[in-house]
Protein backbone atom coordinates (compact mmCIF):
# COMPACT_ATOMS: atom_id res chain seq x y z
CA UNK A 1 12.12 -10.48 -22.05
CA UNK A 2 9.85 -7.84 -21.27
CA UNK A 3 6.63 -10.03 -22.03
CA UNK A 4 7.35 -12.06 -19.49
CA UNK A 5 6.59 -9.40 -16.81
CA UNK A 6 3.59 -8.32 -18.54
CA UNK A 7 0.61 -8.46 -16.63
CA UNK A 8 -2.02 -7.16 -19.35
CA UNK A 9 -5.14 -9.14 -19.02
CA UNK A 10 -4.56 -10.27 -15.33
CA UNK A 11 -6.55 -9.02 -12.33
CA UNK A 12 -4.93 -8.85 -8.90
CA UNK A 13 -6.52 -8.67 -5.30
CA UNK A 14 -4.49 -7.16 -2.81
CA UNK A 15 -5.35 -6.99 0.81
CA UNK A 16 -4.25 -3.85 2.99
CA UNK A 17 -3.50 -1.69 0.10
CA UNK A 18 -5.10 1.38 0.97
CA UNK A 19 -1.55 2.66 1.82
CA UNK A 20 2.08 1.51 2.70
CA UNK A 21 3.28 -1.80 1.46
CA UNK A 22 0.06 -2.83 0.00
CA UNK A 23 -0.45 0.13 -1.88
CA UNK A 24 3.23 -0.09 -3.49
CA UNK A 25 2.33 -3.33 -4.52
CA UNK A 26 -0.89 -2.57 -6.30
CA UNK A 27 0.25 0.14 -8.08
CA UNK A 28 3.22 -2.07 -9.28
CA UNK A 29 0.90 -4.52 -10.80
CA UNK A 30 -1.10 -1.67 -11.97
CA UNK A 31 1.94 -0.27 -13.81
CA UNK A 32 2.72 -3.73 -15.25
CA UNK A 33 -0.60 -3.85 -16.75
CA UNK A 34 -3.03 -5.40 -14.16
CA UNK A 35 -6.38 -4.62 -13.21
CA UNK A 36 -6.42 -4.26 -9.69
CA UNK A 37 -9.02 -4.87 -6.63
CA UNK A 38 -7.92 -3.41 -3.26
CA UNK A 39 -9.66 -4.34 -0.23
CA UNK A 40 -8.64 -2.30 2.84
CA UNK A 41 -10.46 -1.48 6.11
CA UNK A 42 -10.54 2.02 5.01
CA UNK A 43 -10.84 3.74 2.07
CA UNK A 44 -8.77 2.50 -1.48
CA UNK A 45 -9.92 5.75 -3.36
CA UNK A 46 -6.04 6.63 -3.48
CA UNK A 47 -5.22 3.64 -4.78
CA UNK A 48 -7.73 3.19 -7.15
CA UNK A 49 -7.23 6.81 -8.77
CA UNK A 50 -3.36 6.22 -8.72
CA UNK A 51 -3.57 2.62 -10.36
CA UNK A 52 -6.33 4.22 -13.15
CA UNK A 53 -3.63 6.30 -14.21
CA UNK A 54 -1.76 3.39 -15.65
CA UNK A 55 -4.83 2.72 -17.79
CA UNK A 56 -6.13 -0.37 -16.28
CA UNK A 57 -9.44 -0.71 -14.32
CA UNK A 58 -9.49 -0.65 -10.65
CA UNK A 59 -11.87 -1.43 -7.96
CA UNK A 60 -11.94 -0.31 -4.16
CA UNK A 61 -13.58 -2.40 -1.33
CA UNK A 62 -13.76 -0.99 2.08
CA UNK A 63 -14.11 -4.27 4.27
CA UNK A 64 -13.26 -5.62 7.90
CA UNK A 65 -11.12 -8.62 6.71
CA UNK A 66 -11.31 -10.21 10.18
CA UNK A 67 -14.56 -10.49 9.83
CA UNK A 68 -14.32 -14.18 8.19
CA UNK A 69 -18.16 -14.52 7.39
CA UNK A 70 -17.35 -11.94 4.97
CA UNK A 71 -14.64 -13.33 2.87
CA UNK A 72 -16.61 -15.06 0.80
CA UNK A 73 -18.69 -12.28 -0.12
CA UNK A 74 -15.50 -9.82 -0.84
CA UNK A 75 -14.02 -12.46 -3.09
CA UNK A 76 -17.45 -12.49 -5.39
CA UNK A 77 -17.55 -8.52 -5.05
CA UNK A 78 -14.03 -8.40 -6.16
CA UNK A 79 -15.03 -10.47 -9.34
CA UNK A 80 -17.14 -7.98 -10.58
CA UNK A 81 -14.37 -5.91 -12.39
CA UNK A 82 -13.02 -8.40 -14.64
CA UNK A 83 -14.76 -11.66 -13.95
CA UNK A 84 -11.69 -13.27 -12.79
CA UNK A 85 -8.84 -13.16 -10.04
CA UNK A 86 -5.57 -13.88 -11.26
CA UNK A 87 -3.16 -12.85 -8.76
CA UNK A 88 -3.82 -12.75 -5.11
CA UNK A 89 -1.81 -10.79 -2.36
CA UNK A 90 -2.04 -11.47 1.16
CA UNK A 91 -0.89 -8.10 2.48
CA UNK A 92 -3.24 -7.08 5.24
CA UNK A 93 -1.82 -7.35 8.79
CA UNK A 94 -1.60 -5.79 12.09
CA UNK A 95 1.07 -5.95 14.76
CA UNK A 96 0.99 -5.57 18.52
CA UNK A 97 3.92 -4.69 20.64
CA UNK A 98 4.20 -5.98 24.33
CA UNK A 99 6.89 -7.86 26.02
CA UNK A 100 5.91 -11.86 26.08
CA UNK A 101 4.73 -11.85 29.93
CA UNK A 102 2.47 -8.77 29.32
CA UNK A 103 0.94 -9.93 25.70
CA UNK A 104 -2.50 -9.94 26.09
CA UNK A 105 -4.51 -12.91 24.86
CA UNK A 106 -6.92 -10.74 23.20
CA UNK A 107 -3.88 -9.08 21.15
CA UNK A 108 -2.73 -12.90 20.20
CA UNK A 109 -5.88 -13.41 18.75
CA UNK A 110 -6.45 -10.28 17.00
CA UNK A 111 -3.11 -10.89 15.08
CA UNK A 112 -3.39 -14.22 14.46
CA UNK A 113 -6.75 -13.82 13.11
CA UNK A 114 -6.03 -11.18 10.68
CA UNK A 115 -2.42 -12.10 9.58
CA UNK A 116 -2.71 -15.87 9.55
CA UNK A 117 -6.40 -17.20 9.61
CA UNK A 118 -7.67 -14.41 7.23
CA UNK A 119 -4.91 -15.26 4.79
CA UNK A 120 -5.43 -19.02 4.77
CA UNK A 121 -9.16 -18.54 4.48
CA UNK A 122 -8.70 -15.93 1.57
CA UNK A 123 -6.39 -18.22 -0.12
CA UNK A 124 -8.70 -21.19 0.01
CA UNK A 125 -11.34 -19.04 -1.50
CA UNK A 126 -8.92 -17.71 -4.36
CA UNK A 127 -7.60 -20.91 -4.72
CA UNK A 128 -10.69 -22.83 -5.38
CA UNK A 129 -11.56 -20.02 -8.39
CA UNK A 130 -7.76 -20.39 -9.50
CA UNK A 131 -7.83 -24.33 -9.64
CA UNK A 132 -10.84 -23.99 -11.68
CA UNK A 133 -9.40 -21.98 -14.17
CA UNK A 134 -5.82 -23.91 -14.22
CA UNK A 135 -3.65 -21.06 -13.43
CA UNK A 136 -2.99 -18.21 -10.84
CA UNK A 137 -0.46 -16.62 -8.55
CA UNK A 138 -0.44 -16.12 -4.73
CA UNK A 139 2.27 -13.72 -3.03
CA UNK A 140 1.83 -13.65 0.96
CA UNK A 141 3.70 -10.97 2.75
CA UNK A 142 5.94 -12.62 5.10
CA UNK A 143 8.83 -11.09 7.21
CA UNK A 144 12.23 -11.30 8.40
CA UNK A 145 10.03 -12.46 11.88
CA UNK A 146 9.35 -15.58 9.42
CA UNK A 147 12.78 -16.54 10.28
CA UNK A 148 13.92 -14.55 13.82
CA UNK A 149 12.05 -14.19 16.89
CA UNK A 150 11.94 -10.31 16.90
CA UNK A 151 11.45 -8.14 20.32
CA UNK A 152 8.36 -7.59 22.00
CA UNK A 153 6.08 -9.02 18.69
CA UNK A 154 5.00 -12.59 19.85
CA UNK A 155 1.84 -12.44 18.09
CA UNK A 156 3.56 -11.05 14.84
CA UNK A 157 6.43 -13.56 14.77
CA UNK A 158 4.15 -16.67 15.09
CA UNK A 159 1.96 -15.19 12.24
CA UNK A 160 4.90 -14.46 9.94
CA UNK A 161 6.25 -18.07 11.04
CA UNK A 162 3.03 -19.36 10.05
CA UNK A 163 2.20 -17.41 6.86
CA UNK A 164 5.71 -18.91 5.27
CA UNK A 165 4.35 -22.43 6.37
CA UNK A 166 1.01 -21.94 4.56
CA UNK A 167 3.06 -20.61 1.56
CA UNK A 168 5.14 -24.05 1.39
CA UNK A 169 2.02 -25.79 2.26
CA UNK A 170 -0.26 -24.46 -0.49
CA UNK A 171 2.73 -24.65 -3.03
CA UNK A 172 2.97 -28.55 -2.68
CA UNK A 173 -0.44 -29.12 -3.54
CA UNK A 174 -1.25 -26.78 -6.25
CA UNK A 175 2.04 -26.25 -8.23
CA UNK A 176 1.00 -29.00 -10.44
CA UNK A 177 -2.26 -27.46 -11.05
CA UNK A 178 -0.55 -24.28 -12.39
CA UNK A 179 -0.65 -21.96 -9.60
CA UNK A 180 2.45 -20.53 -8.08
CA UNK A 181 2.35 -19.72 -4.31
CA UNK A 182 5.29 -17.50 -3.14
CA UNK A 183 6.08 -15.07 -0.46
CA UNK A 184 7.88 -11.91 0.14
CA UNK A 185 9.68 -11.38 3.28
CA UNK A 186 10.48 -7.40 3.62
CA UNK A 187 13.18 -6.43 5.62
CA UNK A 188 13.28 -3.33 7.39
CA UNK A 189 11.08 -0.72 5.91
CA UNK A 190 10.18 2.84 6.15
CA UNK A 191 6.58 2.33 6.66
CA UNK A 192 3.67 2.75 9.25
CA UNK A 193 4.39 -0.22 10.98
CA UNK A 194 8.05 0.65 11.91
CA UNK A 195 7.29 4.14 13.21
CA UNK A 196 7.69 3.09 16.61
CA UNK A 197 11.06 1.31 15.92
CA UNK A 198 12.51 4.44 13.72
CA UNK A 199 11.42 6.78 16.67
CA UNK A 200 14.47 4.93 18.60
CA UNK A 201 17.41 6.23 17.25
CA UNK A 202 19.64 4.13 18.99
CA UNK A 203 17.67 1.05 17.61
CA UNK A 204 17.65 2.54 14.24
CA UNK A 205 21.08 3.13 14.31
CA UNK A 206 21.79 -0.52 15.41
CA UNK A 207 19.72 -1.97 12.81
CA UNK A 208 20.84 -0.04 9.93
CA UNK A 209 24.45 -0.80 10.71
CA UNK A 210 23.73 -4.42 10.49
CA UNK A 211 22.08 -4.06 6.90
CA UNK A 212 24.78 -4.82 4.48
CA UNK A 213 23.00 -2.21 2.02
CA UNK A 214 23.36 0.52 4.59
CA UNK A 215 19.84 1.64 4.55
CA UNK A 216 16.41 0.73 5.02
CA UNK A 217 13.65 -0.37 2.46
CA UNK A 218 11.44 1.68 0.65
CA UNK A 219 8.12 0.93 -1.34
CA UNK A 220 10.20 1.25 -4.58
CA UNK A 221 12.42 -1.65 -3.41
CA UNK A 222 9.34 -4.39 -3.28
CA UNK A 223 7.69 -3.45 -6.65
CA UNK A 224 10.02 -5.42 -8.94
CA UNK A 225 9.87 -8.73 -6.82
CA UNK A 226 6.07 -8.29 -6.53
CA UNK A 227 5.72 -7.92 -10.39
CA UNK A 228 8.20 -10.86 -10.71
CA UNK A 229 6.27 -13.51 -8.36
CA UNK A 230 2.91 -12.19 -9.90
CA UNK A 231 3.92 -12.72 -13.63
CA UNK A 232 5.30 -15.36 -16.09
CA UNK A 233 8.74 -14.63 -15.20
CA UNK A 234 8.19 -16.84 -12.33
CA UNK A 235 6.41 -19.91 -13.56
CA UNK A 236 8.93 -22.42 -12.20
CA UNK A 237 9.24 -20.64 -8.56
CA UNK A 238 6.87 -22.59 -6.00
CA UNK A 239 6.80 -22.36 -2.40
CA UNK A 240 9.86 -19.81 -2.02
CA UNK A 241 9.78 -16.95 0.41
CA UNK A 242 11.85 -14.01 -1.36
CA UNK A 243 14.05 -11.95 0.99
CA UNK A 244 13.94 -8.60 -0.02
CA UNK A 245 15.86 -6.92 3.20
CA UNK A 246 19.02 -5.17 1.79
CA UNK A 247 21.56 -8.59 2.73
CA UNK A 248 19.65 -8.48 6.47
CA UNK A 249 19.67 -12.37 6.48
CA UNK A 250 23.09 -12.60 4.72
CA UNK A 251 24.77 -10.92 7.68
């Protein structure tokens, strides 16, 4: 069965992969044999160096993904690594925390712009490329807040509901053309994004108590699902959002 998860000969473009969850996914795909392009606002040197240690090619692109006028150029630059992109992971995102009554218009637009609009437009660009090739894998990073309302994050919640919807919309149109579009909804993960929550001991305890697995997730917990959705093992999986949450949604 191992050949079904083998990504040798594939090239993956991962956004927001200089650190955190995106970096973990990029390195998982590299370990499975994929060449990787890491696109982030900050330097991806660390990701590139660690990916190359697996014997694959890697390229780092430092770019502001919220500037939609640059997305086509970013994609074209990513093609310089191998000439093709087989896997797109839309991971880049931001979160702004404030009660709904105080959530500024600017915070709303910034979050929706990067988390949802950028993912839509980059998927559109990559989708045209994949449609010409007759194959491709797209993985959108969703969230538990693709299903729930959250607290003090109305913009983020809206964006993650939206990305789950886009996952299904693209899958409906492209599945018959050999392109699989799916999502991963991480549960509560020990990453930079959750640092403000984890600093509140009472809230951290209440969250942990609700997780059937009894712990928060780590980057290691997302690697296997990412490789699965990027590989031939998921060729008949379309429009699905895979919860990697320790059982949170089952509770």
